[in-house]
Amino acid sequence: MVAAIREAWEEAHLRIRIDGLVNIYSYRNRIPVIIVYAATSVGGDLRAEDESLDAGWFAESDVPWPQLAFPSTRQGLRDYFKGILHPHIA
């Protein structure tokens, strides 16, 4: 979880509170394993940092689904929007 908090700051300039685990994604013959958390912004100003091309807030209907680069990003967002959350595993 500490790594997720650090990544949110490094990639989006946001301080976050982890609300729970959405899911863990792995793919045959591929590394790494992707862990997706739901989080709430508690500070900072959303912006694209060094490892990001762009940053923004999106409703589910506005997510640019075809432009998402990784299957885990699509699956993680779909699970998040479905309300999947494992709060006791945060």
PDB file of N, CA and C in Angstrom:
ATOM      1  N   MET A   1       0.809  -1.193   0.000  1.00  0.00           N
ATOM      2  CA  MET A   1       0.000   0.000   0.000  1.00  0.00           C
ATOM      3  C   MET A   1       0.854   1.258   0.000  1.00  0.00           C
ATOM      4  N   VAL A   2       1.948   1.235   0.698  1.00  0.00           N
ATOM      5  CA  VAL A   2       2.824   2.406   0.723  1.00  0.00           C
ATOM      6  C   VAL A   2       3.294   2.731  -0.689  1.00  0.00           C
ATOM      7  N   ALA A   3       3.576   1.703  -1.475  1.00  0.00           N
ATOM      8  CA  ALA A   3       4.006   1.923  -2.863  1.00  0.00           C
ATOM      9  C   ALA A   3       2.896   2.581  -3.674  1.00  0.00           C
ATOM     10  N   ALA A   4       1.643   2.201  -3.450  1.00  0.00           N
ATOM     11  CA  ALA A   4       0.513   2.803  -4.174  1.00  0.00           C
ATOM     12  C   ALA A   4       0.373   4.278  -3.815  1.00  0.00           C
ATOM     13  N   ILE A   5       0.558   4.595  -2.562  1.00  0.00           N
ATOM     14  CA  ILE A   5       0.472   5.992  -2.119  1.00  0.00           C
ATOM     15  C   ILE A   5       1.595   6.807  -2.759  1.00  0.00           C
ATOM     16  N   ARG A   6       2.784   6.249  -2.778  1.00  0.00           N
ATOM     17  CA  ARG A   6       3.932   6.925  -3.397  1.00  0.00           C
ATOM     18  C   ARG A   6       3.710   7.102  -4.904  1.00  0.00           C
ATOM     19  N   GLU A   7       3.203   6.057  -5.578  1.00  0.00           N
ATOM     20  CA  GLU A   7       2.963   6.132  -7.021  1.00  0.00           C
ATOM     21  C   GLU A   7       1.924   7.194  -7.356  1.00  0.00           C
ATOM     22  N   ALA A   8       0.875   7.329  -6.546  1.00  0.00           N
ATOM     23  CA  ALA A   8      -0.140   8.350  -6.798  1.00  0.00           C
ATOM     24  C   ALA A   8       0.487   9.745  -6.763  1.00  0.00           C
ATOM     25  N   TRP A   9       1.406   9.944  -5.844  1.00  0.00           N
ATOM     26  CA  TRP A   9       2.078  11.244  -5.768  1.00  0.00           C
ATOM     27  C   TRP A   9       3.023  11.436  -6.960  1.00  0.00           C
ATOM     28  N   GLU A  10       3.822  10.401  -7.247  1.00  0.00           N
ATOM     29  CA  GLU A  10       4.812  10.518  -8.313  1.00  0.00           C
ATOM     30  C   GLU A  10       4.179  10.637  -9.695  1.00  0.00           C
ATOM     31  N   GLU A  11       3.064   9.970  -9.931  1.00  0.00           N
ATOM     32  CA  GLU A  11       2.472   9.941 -11.270  1.00  0.00           C
ATOM     33  C   GLU A  11       1.337  10.936 -11.473  1.00  0.00           C
ATOM     34  N   ALA A  12       0.686  11.372 -10.382  1.00  0.00           N
ATOM     35  CA  ALA A  12      -0.474  12.250 -10.553  1.00  0.00           C
ATOM     36  C   ALA A  12      -0.476  13.449  -9.612  1.00  0.00           C
ATOM     37  N   HIS A  13       0.540  13.575  -8.766  1.00  0.00           N
ATOM     38  CA  HIS A  13       0.655  14.673  -7.814  1.00  0.00           C
ATOM     39  C   HIS A  13      -0.548  14.740  -6.870  1.00  0.00           C
ATOM     40  N   LEU A  14      -1.011  13.548  -6.426  1.00  0.00           N
ATOM     41  CA  LEU A  14      -2.132  13.471  -5.492  1.00  0.00           C
ATOM     42  C   LEU A  14      -1.721  12.751  -4.215  1.00  0.00           C
ATOM     43  N   ARG A  15      -2.173  13.278  -3.094  1.00  0.00           N
ATOM     44  CA  ARG A  15      -2.076  12.549  -1.834  1.00  0.00           C
ATOM     45  C   ARG A  15      -3.385  11.780  -1.713  1.00  0.00           C
ATOM     46  N   ILE A  16      -3.278  10.499  -1.363  1.00  0.00           N
ATOM     47  CA  ILE A  16      -4.473   9.648  -1.338  1.00  0.00           C
ATOM     48  C   ILE A  16      -4.612   8.892  -0.033  1.00  0.00           C
ATOM     49  N   ARG A  17      -5.838   8.465   0.206  1.00  0.00           N
ATOM     50  CA  ARG A  17      -6.163   7.518   1.276  1.00  0.00           C
ATOM     51  C   ARG A  17      -6.656   6.257   0.587  1.00  0.00           C
ATOM     52  N   ILE A  18      -6.062   5.114   0.908  1.00  0.00           N
ATOM     53  CA  ILE A  18      -6.492   3.839   0.331  1.00  0.00           C
ATOM     54  C   ILE A  18      -7.805   3.423   0.988  1.00  0.00           C
ATOM     55  N   ASP A  19      -8.825   3.156   0.164  1.00  0.00           N
ATOM     56  CA  ASP A  19     -10.135   2.755   0.666  1.00  0.00           C
ATOM     57  C   ASP A  19     -10.317   1.244   0.681  1.00  0.00           C
ATOM     58  N   GLY A  20      -9.572   0.531  -0.140  1.00  0.00           N
ATOM     59  CA  GLY A  20      -9.681  -0.917  -0.175  1.00  0.00           C
ATOM     60  C   GLY A  20      -9.089  -1.476  -1.451  1.00  0.00           C
ATOM     61  N   LEU A  21      -8.997  -2.768  -1.501  1.00  0.00           N
ATOM     62  CA  LEU A  21      -8.468  -3.478  -2.659  1.00  0.00           C
ATOM     63  C   LEU A  21      -9.588  -3.708  -3.662  1.00  0.00           C
ATOM     64  N   VAL A  22      -9.351  -3.347  -4.921  1.00  0.00           N
ATOM     65  CA  VAL A  22     -10.310  -3.655  -5.985  1.00  0.00           C
ATOM     66  C   VAL A  22     -10.084  -5.091  -6.432  1.00  0.00           C
ATOM     67  N   ASN A  23      -8.861  -5.409  -6.861  1.00  0.00           N
ATOM     68  CA  ASN A  23      -8.546  -6.772  -7.279  1.00  0.00           C
ATOM     69  C   ASN A  23      -7.060  -6.888  -7.585  1.00  0.00           C
ATOM     70  N   ILE A  24      -6.640  -8.116  -7.825  1.00  0.00           N
ATOM     71  CA  ILE A  24      -5.268  -8.420  -8.239  1.00  0.00           C
ATOM     72  C   ILE A  24      -5.358  -9.100  -9.591  1.00  0.00           C
ATOM     73  N   TYR A  25      -4.559  -8.629 -10.542  1.00  0.00           N
ATOM     74  CA  TYR A  25      -4.623  -9.122 -11.916  1.00  0.00           C
ATOM     75  C   TYR A  25      -3.285  -9.706 -12.315  1.00  0.00           C
ATOM     76  N   SER A  26      -3.339 -10.884 -12.914  1.00  0.00           N
ATOM     77  CA  SER A  26      -2.124 -11.504 -13.460  1.00  0.00           C
ATOM     78  C   SER A  26      -2.503 -12.169 -14.779  1.00  0.00           C
ATOM     79  N   TYR A  27      -1.520 -12.301 -15.632  1.00  0.00           N
ATOM     80  CA  TYR A  27      -1.749 -12.821 -16.970  1.00  0.00           C
ATOM     81  C   TYR A  27      -0.691 -13.867 -17.279  1.00  0.00           C
ATOM     82  N   ARG A  28      -1.114 -14.951 -17.889  1.00  0.00           N
ATOM     83  CA  ARG A  28      -0.222 -16.056 -18.223  1.00  0.00           C
ATOM     84  C   ARG A  28       0.988 -15.548 -19.017  1.00  0.00           C
ATOM     85  N   ASN A  29       2.165 -15.985 -18.583  1.00  0.00           N
ATOM     86  CA  ASN A  29       3.435 -15.651 -19.233  1.00  0.00           C
ATOM     87  C   ASN A  29       3.746 -14.162 -19.246  1.00  0.00           C
ATOM     88  N   ARG A  30       3.180 -13.422 -18.311  1.00  0.00           N
ATOM     89  CA  ARG A  30       3.461 -11.985 -18.234  1.00  0.00           C
ATOM     90  C   ARG A  30       3.756 -11.583 -16.803  1.00  0.00           C
ATOM     91  N   ILE A  31       4.684 -10.684 -16.672  1.00  0.00           N
ATOM     92  CA  ILE A  31       4.933 -10.051 -15.394  1.00  0.00           C
ATOM     93  C   ILE A  31       4.778  -8.553 -15.609  1.00  0.00           C
ATOM     94  N   PRO A  32       4.441  -7.785 -14.665  1.00  0.00           N
ATOM     95  CA  PRO A  32       4.234  -8.084 -13.253  1.00  0.00           C
ATOM     96  C   PRO A  32       2.783  -8.436 -12.937  1.00  0.00           C
ATOM     97  N   VAL A  33       2.537  -8.770 -11.690  1.00  0.00           N
ATOM     98  CA  VAL A  33       1.191  -8.887 -11.153  1.00  0.00           C
ATOM     99  C   VAL A  33       0.748  -7.463 -10.816  1.00  0.00           C
ATOM    100  N   ILE A  34      -0.478  -7.110 -11.162  1.00  0.00           N
ATOM    101  CA  ILE A  34      -0.988  -5.753 -10.946  1.00  0.00           C
ATOM    102  C   ILE A  34      -1.984  -5.764  -9.790  1.00  0.00           C
ATOM    103  N   ILE A  35      -1.768  -4.908  -8.814  1.00  0.00           N
ATOM    104  CA  ILE A  35      -2.657  -4.763  -7.669  1.00  0.00           C
ATOM    105  C   ILE A  35      -3.351  -3.413  -7.813  1.00  0.00           C
ATOM    106  N   VAL A  36      -4.689  -3.428  -7.814  1.00  0.00           N
ATOM    107  CA  VAL A  36      -5.460  -2.200  -8.007  1.00  0.00           C
ATOM    108  C   VAL A  36      -6.215  -1.876  -6.718  1.00  0.00           C
ATOM    109  N   TYR A  37      -5.993  -0.675  -6.214  1.00  0.00           N
ATOM    110  CA  TYR A  37      -6.677  -0.185  -5.027  1.00  0.00           C
ATOM    111  C   TYR A  37      -7.655   0.911  -5.406  1.00  0.00           C
ATOM    112  N   ALA A  38      -8.734   1.033  -4.652  1.00  0.00           N
ATOM    113  CA  ALA A  38      -9.606   2.201  -4.710  1.00  0.00           C
ATOM    114  C   ALA A  38      -9.057   3.185  -3.698  1.00  0.00           C
ATOM    115  N   ALA A  39      -9.065   4.450  -4.054  1.00  0.00           N
ATOM    116  CA  ALA A  39      -8.505   5.467  -3.173  1.00  0.00           C
ATOM    117  C   ALA A  39      -9.299   6.759  -3.285  1.00  0.00           C
ATOM    118  N   THR A  40      -9.155   7.589  -2.279  1.00  0.00           N
ATOM    119  CA  THR A  40      -9.764   8.907  -2.260  1.00  0.00           C
ATOM    120  C   THR A  40      -8.658   9.940  -2.219  1.00  0.00           C
ATOM    121  N   SER A  41      -8.771  10.960  -3.057  1.00  0.00           N
ATOM    122  CA  SER A  41      -7.806  12.057  -3.037  1.00  0.00           C
ATOM    123  C   SER A  41      -8.013  12.879  -1.774  1.00  0.00           C
ATOM    124  N   VAL A  42      -6.934  13.135  -1.037  1.00  0.00           N
ATOM    125  CA  VAL A  42      -7.014  13.945   0.179  1.00  0.00           C
ATOM    126  C   VAL A  42      -6.124  15.179   0.080  1.00  0.00           C
ATOM    127  N   GLY A  43      -5.527  15.407  -1.089  1.00  0.00           N
ATOM    128  CA  GLY A  43      -4.700  16.590  -1.267  1.00  0.00           C
ATOM    129  C   GLY A  43      -3.921  16.531  -2.563  1.00  0.00           C
ATOM    130  N   GLY A  44      -3.302  17.638  -2.885  1.00  0.00           N
ATOM    131  CA  GLY A  44      -2.549  17.731  -4.119  1.00  0.00           C
ATOM    132  C   GLY A  44      -3.424  18.259  -5.243  1.00  0.00           C
ATOM    133  N   ASP A  45      -2.802  18.466  -6.391  1.00  0.00           N
ATOM    134  CA  ASP A  45      -3.502  18.950  -7.577  1.00  0.00           C
ATOM    135  C   ASP A  45      -3.232  17.980  -8.711  1.00  0.00           C
ATOM    136  N   LEU A  46      -4.282  17.339  -9.212  1.00  0.00           N
ATOM    137  CA  LEU A  46      -4.132  16.347 -10.270  1.00  0.00           C
ATOM    138  C   LEU A  46      -3.404  16.944 -11.467  1.00  0.00           C
ATOM    139  N   ARG A  47      -2.326  16.278 -11.855  1.00  0.00           N
ATOM    140  CA  ARG A  47      -1.590  16.672 -13.060  1.00  0.00           C
ATOM    141  C   ARG A  47      -0.723  15.508 -13.499  1.00  0.00           C
ATOM    142  N   ALA A  48      -0.413  15.488 -14.773  1.00  0.00           N
ATOM    143  CA  ALA A  48       0.464  14.448 -15.322  1.00  0.00           C
ATOM    144  C   ALA A  48       1.897  14.745 -14.887  1.00  0.00           C
ATOM    145  N   GLU A  49       2.546  13.770 -14.315  1.00  0.00           N
ATOM    146  CA  GLU A  49       3.936  13.910 -13.913  1.00  0.00           C
ATOM    147  C   GLU A  49       4.811  13.131 -14.890  1.00  0.00           C
ATOM    148  N   ASP A  50       6.049  12.855 -14.522  1.00  0.00           N
ATOM    149  CA  ASP A  50       7.058  12.272 -15.415  1.00  0.00           C
ATOM    150  C   ASP A  50       6.627  11.002 -16.135  1.00  0.00           C
ATOM    151  N   GLU A  51       5.914  10.106 -15.462  1.00  0.00           N
ATOM    152  CA  GLU A  51       5.562   8.818 -16.052  1.00  0.00           C
ATOM    153  C   GLU A  51       4.169   8.822 -16.688  1.00  0.00           C
ATOM    154  N   SER A  52       3.542   9.971 -16.776  1.00  0.00           N
ATOM    155  CA  SER A  52       2.181  10.060 -17.300  1.00  0.00           C
ATOM    156  C   SER A  52       2.130  10.987 -18.511  1.00  0.00           C
ATOM    157  N   LEU A  53       1.257  10.650 -19.461  1.00  0.00           N
ATOM    158  CA  LEU A  53       1.047  11.516 -20.613  1.00  0.00           C
ATOM    159  C   LEU A  53      -0.034  12.556 -20.344  1.00  0.00           C
ATOM    160  N   ASP A  54      -1.036  12.161 -19.554  1.00  0.00           N
ATOM    161  CA  ASP A  54      -2.163  13.040 -19.293  1.00  0.00           C
ATOM    162  C   ASP A  54      -2.811  12.597 -17.991  1.00  0.00           C
ATOM    163  N   ALA A  55      -3.605  13.464 -17.399  1.00  0.00           N
ATOM    164  CA  ALA A  55      -4.319  13.135 -16.168  1.00  0.00           C
ATOM    165  C   ALA A  55      -5.665  13.840 -16.197  1.00  0.00           C
ATOM    166  N   GLY A  56      -6.687  13.189 -15.658  1.00  0.00           N
ATOM    167  CA  GLY A  56      -8.004  13.806 -15.604  1.00  0.00           C
ATOM    168  C   GLY A  56      -8.956  12.976 -14.771  1.00  0.00           C
ATOM    169  N   TRP A  57     -10.087  13.568 -14.426  1.00  0.00           N
ATOM    170  CA  TRP A  57     -11.149  12.881 -13.711  1.00  0.00           C
ATOM    171  C   TRP A  57     -12.202  12.478 -14.725  1.00  0.00           C
ATOM    172  N   PHE A  58     -12.666  11.232 -14.661  1.00  0.00           N
ATOM    173  CA  PHE A  58     -13.607  10.717 -15.652  1.00  0.00           C
ATOM    174  C   PHE A  58     -14.773   9.995 -14.998  1.00  0.00           C
ATOM    175  N   ALA A  59     -15.962  10.246 -15.513  1.00  0.00           N
ATOM    176  CA  ALA A  59     -17.102   9.391 -15.210  1.00  0.00           C
ATOM    177  C   ALA A  59     -16.925   8.128 -16.046  1.00  0.00           C
ATOM    178  N   GLU A  60     -17.585   7.045 -15.658  1.00  0.00           N
ATOM    179  CA  GLU A  60     -17.426   5.780 -16.388  1.00  0.00           C
ATOM    180  C   GLU A  60     -17.713   5.951 -17.880  1.00  0.00           C
ATOM    181  N   SER A  61     -18.730   6.705 -18.218  1.00  0.00           N
ATOM    182  CA  SER A  61     -19.098   6.879 -19.626  1.00  0.00           C
ATOM    183  C   SER A  61     -18.098   7.719 -20.410  1.00  0.00           C
ATOM    184  N   ASP A  62     -17.219   8.422 -19.724  1.00  0.00           N
ATOM    185  CA  ASP A  62     -16.235   9.283 -20.386  1.00  0.00           C
ATOM    186  C   ASP A  62     -14.838   8.683 -20.476  1.00  0.00           C
ATOM    187  N   VAL A  63     -14.634   7.515 -19.883  1.00  0.00           N
ATOM    188  CA  VAL A  63     -13.313   6.881 -19.937  1.00  0.00           C
ATOM    189  C   VAL A  63     -12.998   6.547 -21.397  1.00  0.00           C
ATOM    190  N   PRO A  64     -11.823   6.913 -21.882  1.00  0.00           N
ATOM    191  CA  PRO A  64     -11.454   6.596 -23.274  1.00  0.00           C
ATOM    192  C   PRO A  64     -11.004   5.133 -23.387  1.00  0.00           C
ATOM    193  N   TRP A  65     -11.942   4.206 -23.255  1.00  0.00           N
ATOM    194  CA  TRP A  65     -11.642   2.773 -23.171  1.00  0.00           C
ATOM    195  C   TRP A  65     -10.705   2.281 -24.269  1.00  0.00           C
ATOM    196  N   PRO A  66     -10.893   2.617 -25.542  1.00  0.00           N
ATOM    197  CA  PRO A  66     -10.000   2.087 -26.585  1.00  0.00           C
ATOM    198  C   PRO A  66      -8.563   2.595 -26.467  1.00  0.00           C
ATOM    199  N   GLN A  67      -8.364   3.699 -25.773  1.00  0.00           N
ATOM    200  CA  GLN A  67      -7.030   4.274 -25.655  1.00  0.00           C
ATOM    201  C   GLN A  67      -6.244   3.731 -24.465  1.00  0.00           C
ATOM    202  N   LEU A  68      -6.878   2.953 -23.597  1.00  0.00           N
ATOM    203  CA  LEU A  68      -6.179   2.418 -22.428  1.00  0.00           C
ATOM    204  C   LEU A  68      -5.205   1.338 -22.876  1.00  0.00           C
ATOM    205  N   ALA A  69      -3.974   1.457 -22.442  1.00  0.00           N
ATOM    206  CA  ALA A  69      -2.895   0.616 -22.979  1.00  0.00           C
ATOM    207  C   ALA A  69      -2.877  -0.811 -22.444  1.00  0.00           C
ATOM    208  N   PHE A  70      -3.362  -1.036 -21.237  1.00  0.00           N
ATOM    209  CA  PHE A  70      -3.162  -2.337 -20.606  1.00  0.00           C
ATOM    210  C   PHE A  70      -4.484  -2.994 -20.220  1.00  0.00           C
ATOM    211  N   PRO A  71      -4.583  -4.311 -20.396  1.00  0.00           N
ATOM    212  CA  PRO A  71      -5.799  -5.026 -19.985  1.00  0.00           C
ATOM    213  C   PRO A  71      -6.108  -4.822 -18.493  1.00  0.00           C
ATOM    214  N   SER A  72      -5.078  -4.778 -17.662  1.00  0.00           N
ATOM    215  CA  SER A  72      -5.306  -4.607 -16.224  1.00  0.00           C
ATOM    216  C   SER A  72      -5.922  -3.250 -15.916  1.00  0.00           C
ATOM    217  N   THR A  73      -5.607  -2.229 -16.699  1.00  0.00           N
ATOM    218  CA  THR A  73      -6.216  -0.911 -16.503  1.00  0.00           C
ATOM    219  C   THR A  73      -7.701  -0.982 -16.816  1.00  0.00           C
ATOM    220  N   ARG A  74      -8.048  -1.603 -17.946  1.00  0.00           N
ATOM    221  CA  ARG A  74      -9.463  -1.752 -18.301  1.00  0.00           C
ATOM    222  C   ARG A  74     -10.208  -2.581 -17.250  1.00  0.00           C
ATOM    223  N   GLN A  75      -9.635  -3.720 -16.867  1.00  0.00           N
ATOM    224  CA  GLN A  75     -10.308  -4.588 -15.896  1.00  0.00           C
ATOM    225  C   GLN A  75     -10.423  -3.912 -14.539  1.00  0.00           C
ATOM    226  N   GLY A  76      -9.367  -3.256 -14.113  1.00  0.00           N
ATOM    227  CA  GLY A  76      -9.389  -2.569 -12.823  1.00  0.00           C
ATOM    228  C   GLY A  76     -10.435  -1.479 -12.771  1.00  0.00           C
ATOM    229  N   LEU A  77     -10.515  -0.671 -13.834  1.00  0.00           N
ATOM    230  CA  LEU A  77     -11.529   0.378 -13.876  1.00  0.00           C
ATOM    231  C   LEU A  77     -12.934  -0.202 -13.952  1.00  0.00           C
ATOM    232  N   ARG A  78     -13.133  -1.250 -14.748  1.00  0.00           N
ATOM    233  CA  ARG A  78     -14.474  -1.860 -14.835  1.00  0.00           C
ATOM    234  C   ARG A  78     -14.900  -2.425 -13.487  1.00  0.00           C
ATOM    235  N   ASP A  79     -13.965  -3.112 -12.805  1.00  0.00           N
ATOM    236  CA  ASP A  79     -14.281  -3.653 -11.478  1.00  0.00           C
ATOM    237  C   ASP A  79     -14.573  -2.527 -10.482  1.00  0.00           C
ATOM    238  N   TYR A  80     -13.793  -1.459 -10.547  1.00  0.00           N
ATOM    239  CA  TYR A  80     -14.018  -0.313  -9.660  1.00  0.00           C
ATOM    240  C   TYR A  80     -15.410   0.277  -9.893  1.00  0.00           C
ATOM    241  N   PHE A  81     -15.770   0.498 -11.156  1.00  0.00           N
ATOM    242  CA  PHE A  81     -17.072   1.078 -11.465  1.00  0.00           C
ATOM    243  C   PHE A  81     -18.227   0.137 -11.103  1.00  0.00           C
ATOM    244  N   LYS A  82     -17.973  -1.175 -11.071  1.00  0.00           N
ATOM    245  CA  LYS A  82     -18.995  -2.141 -10.625  1.00  0.00           C
ATOM    246  C   LYS A  82     -19.183  -2.092  -9.113  1.00  0.00           C
ATOM    247  N   GLY A  83     -18.261  -1.412  -8.424  1.00  0.00           N
ATOM    248  CA  GLY A  83     -18.342  -1.323  -6.971  1.00  0.00           C
ATOM    249  C   GLY A  83     -17.601  -2.430  -6.260  1.00  0.00           C
ATOM    250  N   ILE A  84     -16.760  -3.151  -6.981  1.00  0.00           N
ATOM    251  CA  ILE A  84     -15.990  -4.225  -6.350  1.00  0.00           C
ATOM    252  C   ILE A  84     -14.942  -3.596  -5.441  1.00  0.00           C
ATOM    253  N   LEU A  85     -14.987  -3.958  -4.188  1.00  0.00           N
ATOM    254  CA  LEU A  85     -14.047  -3.400  -3.219  1.00  0.00           C
ATOM    255  C   LEU A  85     -13.918  -4.359  -2.046  1.00  0.00           C
ATOM    256  N   HIS A  86     -12.703  -4.649  -1.703  1.00  0.00           N
ATOM    257  CA  HIS A  86     -12.409  -5.511  -0.555  1.00  0.00           C
ATOM    258  C   HIS A  86     -11.799  -4.619   0.522  1.00  0.00           C
ATOM    259  N   PRO A  87     -12.639  -3.925   1.311  1.00  0.00           N
ATOM    260  CA  PRO A  87     -12.151  -2.901   2.235  1.00  0.00           C
ATOM    261  C   PRO A  87     -11.250  -3.438   3.345  1.00  0.00           C
ATOM    262  N   HIS A  88     -11.396  -4.675   3.727  1.00  0.00           N
ATOM    263  CA  HIS A  88     -10.620  -5.201   4.846  1.00  0.00           C
ATOM    264  C   HIS A  88      -9.246  -5.711   4.405  1.00  0.00           C
ATOM    265  N   ILE A  89      -8.949  -5.582   3.120  1.00  0.00           N
ATOM    266  CA  ILE A  89      -7.649  -6.043   2.608  1.00  0.00           C
ATOM    267  C   ILE A  89      -6.780  -4.841   2.266  1.00  0.00           C
ATOM    268  N   ALA A  90      -7.200  -3.669   2.658  1.00  0.00           N
ATOM    269  CA  ALA A  90      -6.436  -2.440   2.348  1.00  0.00           C
ATOM    270  C   ALA A  90      -5.245  -2.311   3.249  1.00  0.00           C
TER     271      ALA A  90
END
